[in-house]
Amino acid sequence: MTRIYLYTLLITLFLGACQSRPKTSDQPVVTVSISPQKYFIKQLTGDKIKVNVMVPPGTSPATYSPTPTQIKSLSESAAYLKIGLIAFEITWGEKLTSTNPDMKWFDLSEGIGLISEEGHYCSAHHDHHEHHHGTNIDPHIWTSLKKGKEILNNTKTALIELFPEMANSITINHANLLVEIDKLDHSLQQLAIEKPGLTFMIFHPAYTYLAQDYGFRQIAIEHEGKTPSPAQLKKTIEQAKAQKVKYIFVQQEFDQKNAKAIANEIGAKVVQVHPLSENWLQEMSAFIQQLQAL
């Protein structure tokens, strides 16, 4: 009787242990550079795809180095959807490719009119060629609603190529998200009519595309990724006073010291923005509300 009891107990424990083991996920995996890209993919596919983000929230794509664990995780990825222009992708692109040579690559900036740091538009082919040879091209294409729609379209095309079995649901979700983006686009168009030439100040020039798309003016404290010199700070303060700047926007990835110094000088308020937020639509809506308050 005792042997039967012990045998039954062992079988029960063994089955319980098997049931408690975590099941390995059979979800397909894609990798992206920044969190806003994850938002687009999740909106199009729901929970059907696992998305790896290489640059964690709160870190700068200009300086971030991936961990060995992140690089190793690329071996599971079916594709890498790059945003197209950020320093992280240029610095680490070859290394990431060599980790998984079979991984497909998609450039989500394909076909988008790009802007040089001097504020000039260039053809898409010219920009991609020149950027890889050191010309300064503004990489923040995801911070304008109009460019965001183009990124979304490129994401849709890439995902349908990768997962044709999801084409119907991806197409429906794409149409639904476009409706929401168009609402914010319309509100910015209205703001451009109500406040033509609206000027805003920001530490790092992350909203160049938005400013040009809607006729706004962006004044940046930082120039070409460098801390401003005393002479540049003085000039920026003069600009801020002339434009009667009320708010100075600062991304969480950057030191607020210089922004606070200017704010104290002109009586403005420092406001934190999150252009690298995973909830892209919500963050864009919040930034529009800040612009409407200017």
Protein backbone atom coordinates (compact mmCIF):
# COMPACT_ATOMS: atom_id res chain seq x y z
CA MET A 1 0.00 0.00 0.00
CA THR A 2 2.80 2.36 0.91
CA ARG A 3 4.63 1.62 -2.38
CA ILE A 4 1.49 2.32 -4.41
CA TYR A 5 1.00 5.63 -2.57
CA LEU A 6 4.61 6.71 -3.18
CA TYR A 7 4.41 5.70 -6.84
CA THR A 8 1.18 7.71 -7.30
CA LEU A 9 2.72 10.72 -5.54
CA LEU A 10 5.80 10.65 -7.79
CA ILE A 11 3.67 10.46 -10.93
CA THR A 12 1.54 13.39 -9.71
CA LEU A 13 4.61 15.51 -8.96
CA PHE A 14 6.16 14.68 -12.33
CA LEU A 15 3.02 15.63 -14.27
CA GLY A 16 2.66 18.83 -12.24
CA ALA A 17 6.24 19.79 -12.99
CA CYS A 18 5.69 19.21 -16.71
CA GLN A 19 2.56 21.34 -16.72
CA SER A 20 4.30 24.18 -14.85
CA ARG A 21 7.13 24.50 -17.37
CA PRO A 22 6.81 27.63 -19.48
CA LYS A 23 5.89 26.87 -23.05
CA THR A 24 8.26 28.14 -25.68
CA SER A 25 6.59 30.78 -27.84
CA ASP A 26 6.04 29.92 -31.49
CA GLN A 27 5.39 33.57 -32.37
CA PRO A 28 7.41 34.99 -35.24
CA VAL A 29 9.92 37.65 -34.19
CA VAL A 30 10.85 40.91 -35.89
CA THR A 31 13.36 43.47 -34.67
CA VAL A 32 13.19 47.26 -34.83
CA SER A 33 15.46 50.08 -33.74
CA ILE A 34 13.15 52.34 -31.70
CA SER A 35 9.93 52.01 -29.73
CA PRO A 36 7.60 54.00 -32.04
CA GLN A 37 8.18 51.30 -34.65
CA LYS A 38 6.90 48.70 -32.21
CA TYR A 39 3.71 50.74 -31.88
CA PHE A 40 3.05 50.59 -35.62
CA ILE A 41 3.70 46.84 -35.79
CA LYS A 42 1.53 46.04 -32.78
CA GLN A 43 -1.31 48.16 -34.13
CA LEU A 44 -1.16 46.26 -37.40
CA THR A 45 -0.69 42.72 -36.05
CA GLY A 46 -1.94 42.73 -32.46
CA ASP A 47 -0.22 40.05 -30.39
CA LYS A 48 0.58 37.77 -33.31
CA ILE A 49 4.18 38.97 -33.61
CA LYS A 50 6.90 39.46 -31.01
CA VAL A 51 8.78 42.73 -31.48
CA ASN A 52 12.35 43.27 -30.26
CA VAL A 53 13.35 46.91 -29.72
CA MET A 54 17.10 47.49 -29.88
CA VAL A 55 17.26 51.01 -28.38
CA PRO A 56 15.47 50.95 -24.98
CA PRO A 57 13.24 53.86 -23.90
CA GLY A 58 15.17 56.64 -22.17
CA THR A 59 18.39 56.03 -24.12
CA SER A 60 19.70 57.95 -27.12
CA PRO A 61 19.80 56.24 -30.55
CA ALA A 62 22.86 58.37 -31.29
CA THR A 63 25.02 56.81 -28.57
CA TYR A 64 23.41 53.50 -27.55
CA SER A 65 25.37 50.25 -27.88
CA PRO A 66 23.40 46.97 -27.87
CA THR A 67 24.09 44.40 -25.19
CA PRO A 68 25.48 40.94 -26.07
CA THR A 69 22.07 39.51 -25.16
CA GLN A 70 20.34 41.82 -27.64
CA ILE A 71 22.74 40.91 -30.41
CA LYS A 72 22.29 37.21 -29.67
CA SER A 73 18.50 37.60 -29.75
CA LEU A 74 18.72 38.65 -33.41
CA SER A 75 19.30 35.00 -34.31
CA GLU A 76 15.56 34.43 -33.70
CA SER A 77 14.42 37.39 -35.80
CA ALA A 78 12.83 36.88 -39.21
CA ALA A 79 13.44 40.50 -40.19
CA TYR A 80 14.87 43.84 -39.12
CA LEU A 81 12.71 46.87 -39.86
CA LYS A 82 15.02 49.86 -39.56
CA ILE A 83 13.74 53.41 -39.28
CA GLY A 84 16.37 54.27 -41.85
CA LEU A 85 18.66 57.05 -40.69
CA ILE A 86 19.51 57.02 -37.01
CA ALA A 87 23.15 56.78 -35.92
CA PHE A 88 22.56 53.46 -34.13
CA GLU A 89 21.67 51.71 -37.39
CA ILE A 90 24.61 53.16 -39.28
CA THR A 91 27.10 52.32 -36.52
CA TRP A 92 25.82 48.81 -35.81
CA GLY A 93 24.24 47.77 -39.13
CA GLU A 94 27.05 45.49 -40.35
CA LYS A 95 27.46 43.83 -36.97
CA LEU A 96 23.72 43.18 -36.69
CA THR A 97 23.64 41.75 -40.22
CA SER A 98 26.55 39.41 -39.57
CA THR A 99 24.76 38.05 -36.49
CA ASN A 100 21.94 36.72 -38.64
CA PRO A 101 22.77 36.77 -42.39
CA ASP A 102 19.38 35.20 -43.23
CA MET A 103 17.45 38.02 -41.54
CA LYS A 104 15.55 40.19 -44.04
CA TRP A 105 16.04 43.97 -43.86
CA PHE A 106 13.42 46.62 -44.58
CA ASP A 107 14.08 50.37 -44.66
CA LEU A 108 10.98 52.24 -43.43
CA SER A 109 12.32 55.58 -44.68
CA GLU A 110 12.19 54.34 -48.28
CA GLY A 111 10.52 56.89 -50.55
CA ILE A 112 10.23 59.56 -47.85
CA GLY A 113 11.46 63.07 -48.66
CA LEU A 114 14.33 63.67 -46.24
CA ILE A 115 15.68 66.89 -44.78
CA SER A 116 19.26 67.94 -44.23
CA GLU A 117 20.18 69.53 -40.92
CA GLU A 118 20.36 72.80 -42.84
CA GLY A 119 16.64 72.42 -43.52
CA HIS A 120 16.75 71.49 -47.22
CA TYR A 121 14.68 68.73 -48.79
CA CYS A 122 16.53 66.17 -50.92
CA SER A 123 15.46 63.25 -53.04
CA ALA A 124 15.16 59.97 -51.15
CA HIS A 125 17.96 58.30 -53.17
CA HIS A 126 20.30 61.27 -52.70
CA ASP A 127 19.66 61.43 -48.98
CA HIS A 128 20.32 57.75 -48.35
CA HIS A 129 23.53 57.84 -50.38
CA GLU A 130 24.85 61.02 -48.79
CA HIS A 131 23.94 60.08 -45.24
CA HIS A 132 26.13 57.00 -45.36
CA HIS A 133 29.01 59.18 -46.48
CA GLY A 134 28.78 61.66 -43.62
CA THR A 135 26.31 64.30 -44.83
CA ASN A 136 24.04 65.41 -42.00
CA ILE A 137 20.48 64.23 -42.63
CA ASP A 138 17.81 64.69 -39.98
CA PRO A 139 16.71 61.18 -38.93
CA HIS A 140 13.52 62.03 -36.97
CA ILE A 141 11.01 61.12 -39.67
CA TRP A 142 8.58 59.52 -37.21
CA THR A 143 7.85 62.82 -35.38
CA SER A 144 5.61 64.21 -38.12
CA LEU A 145 2.14 62.82 -38.70
CA LYS A 146 2.51 63.09 -42.47
CA LYS A 147 5.79 61.16 -42.43
CA GLY A 148 4.29 58.81 -39.83
CA LYS A 149 1.66 57.78 -42.37
CA GLU A 150 4.39 56.97 -44.88
CA ILE A 151 6.27 54.91 -42.27
CA LEU A 152 3.03 53.09 -41.49
CA ASN A 153 2.52 52.31 -45.19
CA ASN A 154 6.07 50.95 -45.47
CA THR A 155 5.54 48.88 -42.33
CA LYS A 156 2.33 47.43 -43.74
CA THR A 157 4.09 46.46 -46.98
CA ALA A 158 6.96 44.80 -45.10
CA LEU A 159 4.68 42.85 -42.76
CA ILE A 160 2.47 41.56 -45.57
CA GLU A 161 5.57 40.38 -47.44
CA LEU A 162 6.79 38.61 -44.31
CA PHE A 163 3.41 37.24 -43.17
CA PRO A 164 1.03 37.00 -46.15
CA GLU A 165 -1.39 34.95 -44.07
CA MET A 166 -2.04 38.10 -41.99
CA ALA A 167 -2.61 40.35 -45.00
CA ASN A 168 -6.35 40.80 -44.47
CA SER A 169 -6.16 41.76 -40.79
CA ILE A 170 -3.09 43.96 -41.38
CA THR A 171 -4.94 45.85 -44.13
CA ILE A 172 -8.00 46.41 -41.94
CA ASN A 173 -5.92 47.55 -38.96
CA HIS A 174 -3.90 49.84 -41.24
CA ALA A 175 -7.07 51.58 -42.45
CA ASN A 176 -8.34 52.01 -38.89
CA LEU A 177 -5.08 53.53 -37.66
CA LEU A 178 -4.94 55.91 -40.63
CA VAL A 179 -8.30 57.33 -39.56
CA GLU A 180 -6.87 58.17 -36.11
CA ILE A 181 -3.70 59.69 -37.57
CA ASP A 182 -5.75 61.79 -40.00
CA LYS A 183 -7.67 63.28 -37.08
CA LEU A 184 -4.45 64.57 -35.51
CA ASP A 185 -3.18 65.67 -38.91
CA HIS A 186 -6.34 67.76 -39.33
CA SER A 187 -5.90 69.35 -35.90
CA LEU A 188 -2.35 70.40 -36.85
CA GLN A 189 -3.56 71.82 -40.15
CA GLN A 190 -6.10 73.87 -38.21
CA LEU A 191 -3.40 75.06 -35.81
CA ALA A 192 -1.28 76.14 -38.78
CA ILE A 193 -4.20 78.26 -40.00
CA GLU A 194 -4.87 79.75 -36.56
CA LYS A 195 -1.20 80.37 -35.73
CA PRO A 196 0.77 80.68 -38.97
CA GLY A 197 4.52 80.53 -38.41
CA LEU A 198 4.11 79.18 -34.87
CA THR A 199 7.52 79.00 -33.18
CA PHE A 200 8.64 76.50 -30.56
CA MET A 201 11.97 75.90 -28.84
CA ILE A 202 13.46 72.49 -28.12
CA PHE A 203 16.78 71.23 -26.82
CA HIS A 204 17.44 68.56 -29.50
CA PRO A 205 15.83 69.27 -32.92
CA ALA A 206 13.53 66.26 -33.03
CA TYR A 207 10.51 67.85 -34.76
CA THR A 208 12.09 69.26 -37.93
CA TYR A 209 9.76 67.27 -40.21
CA LEU A 210 6.67 68.33 -38.30
CA ALA A 211 7.75 71.97 -38.40
CA GLN A 212 8.34 71.91 -42.16
CA ASP A 213 5.20 69.92 -42.92
CA TYR A 214 2.95 72.43 -41.15
CA GLY A 215 4.82 75.69 -41.62
CA PHE A 216 6.05 76.00 -38.02
CA ARG A 217 9.47 77.16 -36.84
CA GLN A 218 11.65 75.01 -34.58
CA ILE A 219 14.47 76.70 -32.64
CA ALA A 220 17.00 74.17 -31.35
CA ILE A 221 19.39 74.71 -28.46
CA GLU A 222 21.67 71.85 -29.45
CA HIS A 223 23.51 72.06 -32.76
CA GLU A 224 24.74 69.00 -34.68
CA GLY A 225 24.68 66.89 -31.52
CA LYS A 226 27.04 69.22 -29.67
CA THR A 227 26.58 71.21 -26.46
CA PRO A 228 26.06 74.87 -27.42
CA SER A 229 28.93 77.31 -26.92
CA PRO A 230 28.42 80.44 -24.78
CA ALA A 231 28.05 82.46 -27.99
CA GLN A 232 25.41 80.06 -29.31
CA LEU A 233 23.56 80.13 -25.99
CA LYS A 234 23.51 83.92 -26.08
CA LYS A 235 22.13 83.90 -29.62
CA THR A 236 19.49 81.31 -28.65
CA ILE A 237 18.41 83.40 -25.68
CA GLU A 238 18.03 86.42 -27.96
CA GLN A 239 15.91 84.37 -30.35
CA ALA A 240 13.76 83.07 -27.51
CA LYS A 241 13.14 86.59 -26.20
CA ALA A 242 12.31 87.89 -29.67
CA GLN A 243 9.83 85.05 -30.23
CA LYS A 244 8.41 85.34 -26.69
CA VAL A 245 8.99 81.66 -26.04
CA LYS A 246 6.86 80.31 -23.17
CA TYR A 247 7.99 76.69 -23.15
CA ILE A 248 11.24 74.89 -23.90
CA PHE A 249 10.81 71.24 -24.82
CA VAL A 250 13.40 68.71 -23.67
CA GLN A 251 13.57 64.98 -24.39
CA GLN A 252 14.16 62.68 -21.43
CA GLU A 253 17.33 61.35 -23.09
CA PHE A 254 19.11 64.71 -22.74
CA ASP A 255 20.52 66.84 -19.93
CA GLN A 256 18.13 69.66 -19.04
CA LYS A 257 20.82 72.00 -17.66
CA ASN A 258 21.16 74.31 -20.68
CA ALA A 259 17.42 74.33 -21.30
CA LYS A 260 16.78 75.33 -17.70
CA ALA A 261 19.41 78.07 -17.93
CA ILE A 262 17.66 79.58 -20.93
CA ALA A 263 14.25 79.13 -19.34
CA ASN A 264 15.38 80.99 -16.22
CA GLU A 265 16.81 83.79 -18.37
CA ILE A 266 13.61 84.36 -20.35
CA GLY A 267 10.98 83.30 -17.79
CA ALA A 268 9.91 80.18 -19.69
CA LYS A 269 8.93 76.71 -18.49
CA VAL A 270 10.80 73.50 -19.31
CA VAL A 271 8.46 70.76 -20.57
CA GLN A 272 9.56 67.18 -21.11
CA VAL A 273 8.55 65.44 -24.36
CA HIS A 274 8.95 61.80 -25.37
CA PRO A 275 9.37 61.40 -29.14
CA LEU A 276 10.76 57.89 -28.55
CA SER A 277 7.69 56.78 -26.60
CA GLU A 278 6.26 53.40 -27.55
CA ASN A 279 2.74 54.87 -27.60
CA TRP A 280 3.43 56.95 -30.69
CA LEU A 281 -0.10 58.24 -31.31
CA GLN A 282 -0.65 59.26 -27.70
CA GLU A 283 2.68 61.08 -27.59
CA MET A 284 1.96 62.91 -30.84
CA SER A 285 -1.42 63.97 -29.45
CA ALA A 286 0.23 65.24 -26.26
CA PHE A 287 2.80 67.25 -28.24
CA ILE A 288 0.07 68.81 -30.38
CA GLN A 289 -1.71 69.90 -27.20
CA GLN A 290 1.53 71.55 -26.05
CA LEU A 291 1.78 73.41 -29.36
CA GLN A 292 -1.84 74.51 -29.09
CA ALA A 293 -1.01 76.05 -25.69
CA LEU A 294 1.76 78.25 -27.13
